[in-house]
Protein backbone atom coordinates (compact mmCIF):
# COMPACT_ATOMS: atom_id res chain seq x y z
CA MET A 1 0.00 0.00 0.00
CA GLY A 2 1.43 3.39 -1.00
CA LYS A 3 1.95 6.38 1.23
CA ALA A 4 -0.22 9.47 1.04
CA LEU A 5 2.65 11.69 -0.19
CA ASP A 6 4.48 9.14 -2.33
CA GLY A 7 6.20 10.92 -5.22
CA VAL A 8 6.49 14.28 -3.44
CA ARG A 9 10.09 15.39 -3.00
CA ILE A 10 10.94 17.96 -0.32
CA LEU A 11 14.13 20.02 -0.27
CA ASP A 12 14.58 20.58 3.44
CA PHE A 13 16.62 23.65 4.36
CA THR A 14 15.31 23.72 7.92
CA HIS A 15 17.08 23.47 11.24
CA VAL A 16 16.38 23.40 14.98
CA GLN A 17 12.65 22.74 15.61
CA SER A 18 9.92 24.62 13.73
CA GLY A 19 10.94 23.65 10.20
CA PRO A 20 12.08 20.10 11.03
CA THR A 21 8.71 19.47 12.73
CA CYS A 22 7.02 20.34 9.45
CA THR A 23 9.27 18.29 7.19
CA GLN A 24 9.26 15.28 9.53
CA LEU A 25 5.47 15.21 9.39
CA LEU A 26 5.59 15.27 5.58
CA ALA A 27 8.19 12.48 5.66
CA TRP A 28 5.92 10.40 7.91
CA PHE A 29 3.22 10.74 5.27
CA GLY A 30 5.59 9.37 2.64
CA ALA A 31 7.32 12.39 1.12
CA ASP A 32 11.00 12.01 0.18
CA VAL A 33 12.60 14.64 2.42
CA ILE A 34 16.17 15.57 1.52
CA LYS A 35 17.74 17.51 4.38
CA VAL A 36 20.51 19.85 3.25
CA GLU A 37 23.22 20.39 5.88
CA ARG A 38 26.66 21.94 6.23
CA ALA A 39 29.51 19.48 5.86
CA GLY A 40 31.23 18.74 9.14
CA ALA A 41 28.59 20.44 11.27
CA GLY A 42 25.06 19.97 10.06
CA ASP A 43 21.95 21.03 11.92
CA ILE A 44 23.07 22.73 15.13
CA THR A 45 20.76 20.51 17.18
CA ARG A 46 22.90 17.46 16.35
CA GLU A 47 25.16 18.59 19.20
CA GLN A 48 22.77 20.57 21.41
CA LEU A 49 21.72 18.96 24.72
CA ARG A 50 23.85 15.93 23.81
CA ASP A 51 23.50 13.07 26.33
CA VAL A 52 25.59 10.39 24.56
CA PRO A 53 29.15 11.47 23.67
CA GLY A 54 29.77 11.46 19.93
CA ALA A 55 26.13 10.72 19.05
CA ASP A 56 23.46 12.97 17.59
CA SER A 57 21.36 14.46 20.39
CA LEU A 58 17.79 13.46 21.08
CA TYR A 59 16.88 17.02 20.11
CA PHE A 60 18.00 16.25 16.56
CA THR A 61 16.93 12.63 16.27
CA MET A 62 13.38 13.26 17.46
CA LEU A 63 12.82 15.95 14.81
CA ASN A 64 14.42 14.33 11.76
CA HIS A 65 13.05 10.82 11.34
CA ASN A 66 12.37 9.36 7.89
CA LYS A 67 14.64 11.89 6.15
CA ARG A 68 17.77 11.69 3.99
CA SER A 69 20.77 13.91 4.73
CA VAL A 70 23.05 15.49 2.15
CA THR A 71 25.88 17.95 2.72
CA ILE A 72 26.27 20.86 0.31
CA ASP A 73 28.39 24.00 0.54
CA THR A 74 26.05 26.52 -1.04
CA LYS A 75 28.81 29.16 -1.09
CA ASN A 76 30.89 26.94 -3.37
CA PRO A 77 30.07 27.53 -7.08
CA GLU A 78 29.91 23.80 -7.72
CA GLY A 79 27.77 23.33 -4.63
CA LYS A 80 25.39 26.00 -5.87
CA LEU A 81 24.98 24.11 -9.14
CA VAL A 82 24.11 20.97 -7.17
CA LEU A 83 21.48 22.94 -5.29
CA GLU A 84 20.04 24.27 -8.54
CA ALA A 85 19.74 20.69 -9.80
CA LEU A 86 17.90 19.74 -6.61
CA ILE A 87 15.50 22.67 -6.98
CA GLN A 88 14.69 21.50 -10.48
CA LYS A 89 13.92 17.98 -9.21
CA CYS A 90 11.98 18.81 -6.03
CA ASP A 91 8.40 19.89 -5.43
CA VAL A 92 8.80 21.93 -2.24
CA LEU A 93 11.62 23.92 -0.64
CA VAL A 94 11.14 24.43 3.10
CA GLU A 95 13.27 26.89 5.06
CA ASN A 96 13.37 28.63 8.41
CA PHE A 97 16.43 30.81 7.89
CA ALA A 98 16.67 34.31 9.26
CA PRO A 99 14.76 36.81 7.10
CA GLY A 100 16.48 37.41 3.75
CA ALA A 101 18.98 34.54 4.07
CA LEU A 102 17.68 32.63 1.06
CA ASP A 103 17.89 35.77 -1.08
CA ARG A 104 21.48 36.37 0.01
CA MET A 105 22.33 32.83 -1.09
CA GLY A 106 21.21 33.84 -4.58
CA PHE A 107 17.93 31.94 -4.48
CA THR A 108 15.28 34.61 -4.63
CA TRP A 109 11.70 33.66 -5.37
CA GLU A 110 12.21 34.84 -8.95
CA ARG A 111 15.34 32.71 -9.41
CA ILE A 112 13.63 29.64 -7.96
CA GLN A 113 10.69 30.17 -10.31
CA GLU A 114 13.11 30.32 -13.26
CA LEU A 115 14.57 26.98 -12.22
CA ASN A 116 11.24 25.33 -11.39
CA PRO A 117 7.94 27.18 -11.86
CA ARG A 118 6.13 24.36 -10.04
CA MET A 119 8.25 24.78 -6.91
CA ILE A 120 6.48 25.63 -3.66
CA VAL A 121 8.65 27.65 -1.29
CA ALA A 122 7.51 27.32 2.31
CA SER A 123 8.93 29.45 5.11
CA VAL A 124 8.72 29.74 8.87
CA LYS A 125 9.36 33.26 10.13
CA GLY A 126 8.97 34.88 13.53
CA PHE A 127 6.59 37.61 12.37
CA GLY A 128 4.59 38.26 9.26
CA PRO A 129 4.94 41.47 7.22
CA GLY A 130 5.07 44.52 9.45
CA PRO A 131 7.36 46.42 11.81
CA TYR A 132 8.91 43.27 13.33
CA GLU A 133 9.29 41.07 10.25
CA ASP A 134 13.11 41.19 10.37
CA CYS A 135 13.33 40.16 14.03
CA LYS A 136 14.48 36.74 15.15
CA VAL A 137 12.00 34.73 17.19
CA TYR A 138 12.45 31.64 19.36
CA GLU A 139 9.92 29.40 21.08
CA ASN A 140 9.28 31.40 24.23
CA VAL A 141 9.37 34.71 22.37
CA ALA A 142 6.65 33.41 20.06
CA GLN A 143 4.54 32.39 23.04
CA CYS A 144 4.90 35.90 24.44
CA VAL A 145 4.11 37.86 21.28
CA GLY A 146 1.30 35.49 20.28
CA GLY A 147 -0.75 36.06 23.44
CA ALA A 148 -0.09 32.75 25.20
CA ALA A 149 2.16 33.94 28.04
CA SER A 150 -0.03 36.86 29.10
CA THR A 151 -2.98 34.51 29.54
CA THR A 152 -1.11 31.61 31.20
CA GLY A 153 -0.43 31.26 34.91
CA PHE A 154 -2.18 32.59 37.99
CA ASP A 155 -3.52 36.09 38.47
CA ASP A 156 -1.17 36.86 41.36
CA GLY A 157 1.95 35.81 39.43
CA PRO A 158 3.94 36.77 36.32
CA PRO A 159 3.17 35.63 32.77
CA VAL A 160 4.17 32.00 32.19
CA VAL A 161 5.26 30.09 29.09
CA THR A 162 3.94 26.59 28.56
CA GLY A 163 5.99 23.41 28.21
CA ALA A 164 4.15 22.63 24.98
CA GLN A 165 6.20 23.93 22.06
CA ILE A 166 3.34 25.83 20.49
CA GLY A 167 5.67 28.38 18.91
CA ASP A 168 8.07 26.01 17.16
CA SER A 169 6.27 22.72 16.68
CA GLY A 170 2.90 24.43 16.52
CA THR A 171 4.03 26.64 13.65
CA GLY A 172 5.63 23.66 11.92
CA LEU A 173 2.27 21.90 11.95
CA HIS A 174 0.61 24.98 10.46
CA LEU A 175 3.25 25.12 7.73
CA ALA A 176 2.76 21.45 6.86
CA LEU A 177 -0.94 22.10 6.26
CA GLY A 178 -0.07 25.09 4.07
CA ILE A 179 2.32 22.96 2.01
CA VAL A 180 -0.18 20.17 1.45
CA THR A 181 -2.82 22.74 0.50
CA ALA A 182 -0.44 24.38 -2.00
CA LEU A 183 0.40 20.97 -3.48
CA TYR A 184 -3.30 20.28 -3.95
CA GLN A 185 -3.87 23.64 -5.64
CA ARG A 186 -0.89 22.98 -7.92
CA THR A 187 -2.67 19.92 -9.31
CA MET A 188 -5.17 22.36 -10.83
CA THR A 189 -3.02 25.40 -11.62
CA GLY A 190 0.32 23.74 -12.41
CA ARG A 191 2.03 26.60 -10.57
CA GLY A 192 4.04 26.81 -7.39
CA GLN A 193 3.56 29.50 -4.79
CA LYS A 194 4.99 30.86 -1.57
CA VAL A 195 3.71 29.57 1.78
CA LEU A 196 4.40 31.54 4.96
CA ALA A 197 3.75 30.49 8.55
CA ALA A 198 4.72 33.17 11.08
CA MET A 199 5.29 31.98 14.63
CA GLN A 200 3.34 34.87 16.12
CA ASP A 201 0.40 34.01 13.87
CA GLY A 202 0.58 30.31 14.72
CA VAL A 203 0.55 30.93 18.47
CA LEU A 204 -2.32 33.41 18.15
CA ASN A 205 -4.29 30.84 16.16
CA LEU A 206 -3.89 28.44 19.09
CA CYS A 207 -4.94 31.23 21.49
CA ARG A 208 -8.07 32.23 19.61
CA VAL A 209 -10.35 31.62 22.61
CA LYS A 210 -8.45 34.33 24.48
CA LEU A 211 -9.05 36.78 21.62
CA ARG A 212 -12.71 35.78 21.93
CA ASP A 213 -12.58 36.59 25.64
CA GLN A 214 -10.90 39.95 25.05
CA GLN A 215 -13.91 41.07 23.04
CA ARG A 216 -16.34 39.68 25.60
CA LEU A 217 -14.48 41.52 28.36
CA GLU A 218 -14.58 44.80 26.46
CA ARG A 219 -18.34 44.43 26.03
CA THR A 220 -19.35 43.24 29.50
CA GLY A 221 -16.46 44.16 31.82
CA VAL A 222 -16.61 40.76 33.50
CA MET A 223 -16.16 37.07 32.62
CA LYS A 224 -18.06 34.81 34.97
CA GLU A 225 -16.17 31.67 33.91
CA TYR A 226 -12.87 33.07 35.19
CA PRO A 227 -11.70 32.52 38.80
CA GLN A 228 -11.58 36.30 39.38
CA TYR A 229 -15.39 36.20 39.48
CA PRO A 230 -17.18 37.24 41.66
CA ASN A 231 -14.75 38.66 44.23
CA GLY A 232 -11.82 39.71 42.05
CA THR A 233 -11.48 42.55 39.61
CA PHE A 234 -11.05 42.61 35.85
CA GLY A 235 -8.78 45.02 34.03
CA GLU A 236 -8.69 46.00 30.37
CA ALA A 237 -7.05 42.79 29.13
CA VAL A 238 -7.86 39.11 29.47
CA PRO A 239 -6.34 37.98 32.79
CA ARG A 240 -4.50 34.80 33.67
CA ALA A 241 -7.05 32.16 34.59
CA GLY A 242 -5.00 29.62 36.54
CA ASN A 243 -6.33 26.16 35.70
CA ALA A 244 -9.78 27.34 34.63
CA SER A 245 -10.72 26.63 31.06
CA GLY A 246 -12.31 30.04 30.65
CA GLY A 247 -15.04 28.37 28.65
CA GLY A 248 -18.45 26.89 29.31
CA GLN A 249 -17.14 23.82 31.16
CA PRO A 250 -15.72 24.95 34.54
CA GLY A 251 -12.71 22.86 35.52
CA TRP A 252 -9.78 22.85 37.94
CA ILE A 253 -6.77 20.73 38.88
CA LEU A 254 -7.35 18.95 42.20
CA LYS A 255 -5.10 17.07 44.60
CA CYS A 256 -5.27 13.29 44.74
CA LYS A 257 -3.97 10.76 47.22
CA GLY A 258 -0.19 11.03 47.53
CA TRP A 259 0.08 14.66 46.42
CA GLU A 260 2.37 15.42 49.38
CA HIS A 261 5.26 13.47 47.81
CA ASP A 262 4.21 13.11 44.15
CA PRO A 263 4.19 16.41 42.20
CA ASN A 264 1.86 14.86 39.62
CA ALA A 265 -0.73 13.27 41.94
CA TYR A 266 -3.47 15.51 40.59
CA ILE A 267 -6.52 15.22 38.37
CA TYR A 268 -8.33 17.71 36.16
CA PHE A 269 -12.00 17.74 37.09
CA ILE A 270 -14.82 19.35 35.08
CA THR A 271 -18.18 20.23 36.62
CA GLN A 272 -20.11 19.55 33.42
CA ALA A 273 -23.75 20.56 33.74
CA PRO A 274 -25.36 17.37 32.32
CA VAL A 275 -23.66 15.22 34.99
CA TRP A 276 -24.04 17.58 37.93
CA VAL A 277 -26.40 15.27 39.80
CA LYS A 278 -23.92 12.40 39.40
CA ILE A 279 -21.11 14.60 40.71
CA CYS A 280 -23.16 15.43 43.80
CA ASN A 281 -23.83 11.75 44.43
CA VAL A 282 -20.20 10.69 43.98
CA ILE A 283 -18.77 13.27 46.39
CA GLY A 284 -21.55 12.74 48.95
CA ARG A 285 -23.27 16.09 48.56
CA GLU A 286 -26.60 14.84 47.23
CA GLU A 287 -28.43 17.90 48.57
CA TRP A 288 -26.54 20.16 46.13
CA ALA A 289 -28.41 18.57 43.21
CA THR A 290 -31.59 20.48 44.08
CA HIS A 291 -30.32 23.31 46.28
CA PRO A 292 -31.00 26.66 44.56
CA ASP A 293 -27.41 27.82 45.23
CA TYR A 294 -25.95 24.86 43.28
CA ALA A 295 -28.60 23.31 41.06
CA THR A 296 -27.95 25.44 37.94
CA PRO A 297 -24.74 26.40 36.11
CA ASP A 298 -25.37 30.13 36.68
CA ALA A 299 -25.90 29.56 40.40
CA ARG A 300 -22.67 27.56 40.63
CA LEU A 301 -20.40 30.10 38.90
CA PRO A 302 -19.83 32.38 41.92
CA ARG A 303 -19.32 29.29 44.12
CA LEU A 304 -16.82 27.34 42.02
CA LYS A 305 -13.97 27.64 44.51
CA GLU A 306 -16.17 26.20 47.24
CA ILE A 307 -17.40 23.43 44.93
CA PHE A 308 -13.91 22.42 43.81
CA ALA A 309 -12.70 22.43 47.42
CA GLU A 310 -15.45 19.96 48.28
CA VAL A 311 -14.66 17.78 45.26
CA GLU A 312 -10.99 17.87 46.24
CA ARG A 313 -11.82 16.50 49.68
CA TRP A 314 -13.12 13.45 47.80
CA THR A 315 -10.28 13.19 45.23
CA MET A 316 -7.66 13.33 48.01
CA THR A 317 -8.96 9.98 49.23
CA LYS A 318 -8.24 8.34 45.84
CA THR A 319 -5.23 8.01 43.58
CA LYS A 320 -5.62 9.87 40.32
CA PHE A 321 -6.23 6.59 38.50
CA GLU A 322 -8.78 5.38 41.06
CA ALA A 323 -10.61 8.70 40.81
CA MET A 324 -10.59 8.55 37.02
CA GLU A 325 -11.99 5.00 37.00
CA ILE A 326 -14.85 5.95 39.33
CA LEU A 327 -15.69 9.22 37.59
CA ASN A 328 -15.69 7.69 34.11
CA LYS A 329 -18.34 5.18 35.21
CA TYR A 330 -20.64 8.18 35.52
CA ASP A 331 -19.40 10.01 32.40
CA ILE A 332 -17.90 12.76 34.56
CA PRO A 333 -15.12 14.37 32.46
CA CYS A 334 -11.70 14.26 34.08
CA GLY A 335 -8.08 13.47 33.31
CA PRO A 336 -5.08 12.51 35.43
CA ILE A 337 -1.98 14.69 35.31
CA LEU A 338 0.43 12.33 33.56
CA SER A 339 4.15 12.79 33.99
CA MET A 340 6.54 12.28 31.09
CA LYS A 341 7.73 9.11 32.84
CA GLU A 342 4.19 7.75 32.92
CA ILE A 343 3.65 8.64 29.26
CA ALA A 344 6.92 7.01 28.25
CA GLU A 345 5.88 3.80 29.99
CA ASP A 346 2.28 3.76 28.68
CA GLU A 347 1.87 0.54 26.67
CA SER A 348 -1.31 1.75 24.94
CA LEU A 349 0.60 4.68 23.44
CA ARG A 350 3.25 2.25 22.18
CA LYS A 351 0.58 0.11 20.51
CA THR A 352 -0.94 3.05 18.63
CA GLY A 353 2.45 4.36 17.49
CA THR A 354 2.09 7.58 19.45
CA VAL A 355 5.26 6.66 21.35
CA VAL A 356 7.84 4.74 19.34
CA GLU A 357 11.14 3.06 20.16
CA VAL A 358 13.79 3.64 17.49
CA ASP A 359 17.22 2.03 17.14
CA HIS A 360 20.08 4.34 16.15
CA PRO A 361 23.48 3.00 14.97
CA VAL A 362 25.42 5.32 17.28
CA ARG A 363 23.24 6.19 20.26
CA GLY A 364 21.29 2.91 20.44
CA LYS A 365 17.60 2.65 21.28
CA TYR A 366 15.58 5.68 22.33
CA LEU A 367 11.95 6.75 22.60
CA THR A 368 10.37 9.33 20.36
CA VAL A 369 6.94 10.60 19.46
CA GLY A 370 5.30 9.00 16.46
CA ASN A 371 2.92 10.49 13.95
CA PRO A 372 0.03 12.08 15.88
CA ILE A 373 -2.18 11.84 12.77
CA LYS A 374 -3.33 8.36 11.81
CA LEU A 375 -4.41 7.53 8.24
CA SER A 376 -6.16 4.19 7.72
CA ASP A 377 -4.67 3.68 4.24
CA SER A 378 -1.24 5.12 4.97
CA PRO A 379 0.18 3.83 8.25
CA THR A 380 3.36 5.52 9.45
CA GLU A 381 6.59 3.65 10.00
CA VAL A 382 9.04 5.78 11.98
CA THR A 383 12.62 5.25 10.79
CA ARG A 384 15.72 6.67 12.43
CA SER A 385 17.15 10.09 11.68
CA PRO A 386 20.02 10.20 9.15
CA LEU A 387 23.68 10.51 10.01
CA LEU A 388 25.26 13.71 8.72
CA GLY A 389 25.62 13.46 4.93
CA GLU A 390 24.62 9.80 4.98
CA HIS A 391 22.73 10.02 1.68
CA THR A 392 24.86 12.53 -0.21
CA ASP A 393 26.23 10.04 -2.76
CA GLU A 394 22.83 8.41 -3.16
CA VAL A 395 21.08 11.69 -3.92
CA MET A 396 23.88 12.87 -6.22
CA ALA A 397 23.52 9.66 -8.22
CA GLU A 398 19.78 10.26 -8.51
CA LEU A 399 20.59 13.70 -9.95
CA GLY A 400 22.69 12.03 -12.64
CA TYR A 401 26.18 12.53 -11.22
CA SER A 402 28.65 9.72 -11.89
CA PRO A 403 30.90 8.32 -9.14
CA ALA A 404 33.84 10.23 -10.62
CA GLN A 405 31.86 13.48 -10.65
CA ILE A 406 30.78 12.91 -7.05
CA ASP A 407 34.41 12.39 -6.02
CA ALA A 408 35.35 15.59 -7.84
CA LEU A 409 32.59 17.54 -6.04
CA ARG A 410 33.83 16.23 -2.72
CA THR A 411 37.45 17.11 -3.56
CA ALA A 412 36.32 20.61 -4.48
CA GLY A 413 34.52 20.95 -1.13
CA ALA A 414 31.16 21.36 -2.82
CA ILE A 415 29.58 18.43 -0.95
């Protein structure tokens, strides 16, 4: 059975995280991703956060599965000719260089179109067009300028960035969708186009509910779903909401048995309206089901802290897994706070391919995330990341270079 993106060839000029996230996803779907790296060095993440001496770091390996690596010196005239040949053979060029870097290499949009009018050029940048478009952006900066940090954390503390890489990996996922969309449009137009995913834009897209709340706040001056209600005050901007969802399903993180010594002995509990009576029965407060102060969602909103405190008295008598088992019998929405150790050891995630064990020739076996998107007709097989320049000769041969010509390119320092 073929892969969804069989026949699509990607010229991967990305490094670090945002771009490699995008190209790895395309590779998982079957695209032939050719990663272009500097000879002798390669992607900087090969050596960052290295835990096994002499081996590519987990930072690199977990972002570059299913790819082929070639080394090309694009400043070398012969190397530039090799790159031109690759552009003519590939469908998509993906890059996350600093603004203007591709142009300075001599590969402007116009030049790429001359070489291959069907080429799609996809870019990750920090900002879109505007006053900050030439600024560099990293993960936490993107979270800050995209609205995530100002709305994360507790009201009595500073802005907080999240452990989820919504700036880098989140933008890479957005870019992958843009590339696939452009490829689909090309089937009808025959033309390539530019695809841009700005990190600020990607983070904001993931924070859209907070933009929703900003407009609600400006209209009403108060948001009853936030923990500041009814005794706190609201300013001009959406506040930090702690562990509240800020939506129509009030929730909070509650202690479970063992919380004193286990930092992850907690559960997220949602007081969903349709199961309110069941919640009252489970926690032993049956009278709340009909009491006018608790019986309706509107009546409960100003009393959420009291309600969650009472629920927590019950959850503290159960482990997070015991509480989840009981609550799910009654369709009460909840979720245990899973540590990375627990996730790594979860056999069900191994069976679905969400967590995968990969064998590397230098570092040995390691765990990585698998494809989060499952296609019934195109299952993903995660293969190891390439060694630096491992496929240079193979790709050069596919471009029509003879062994003697490849040796000459290497002698000249072009590859």
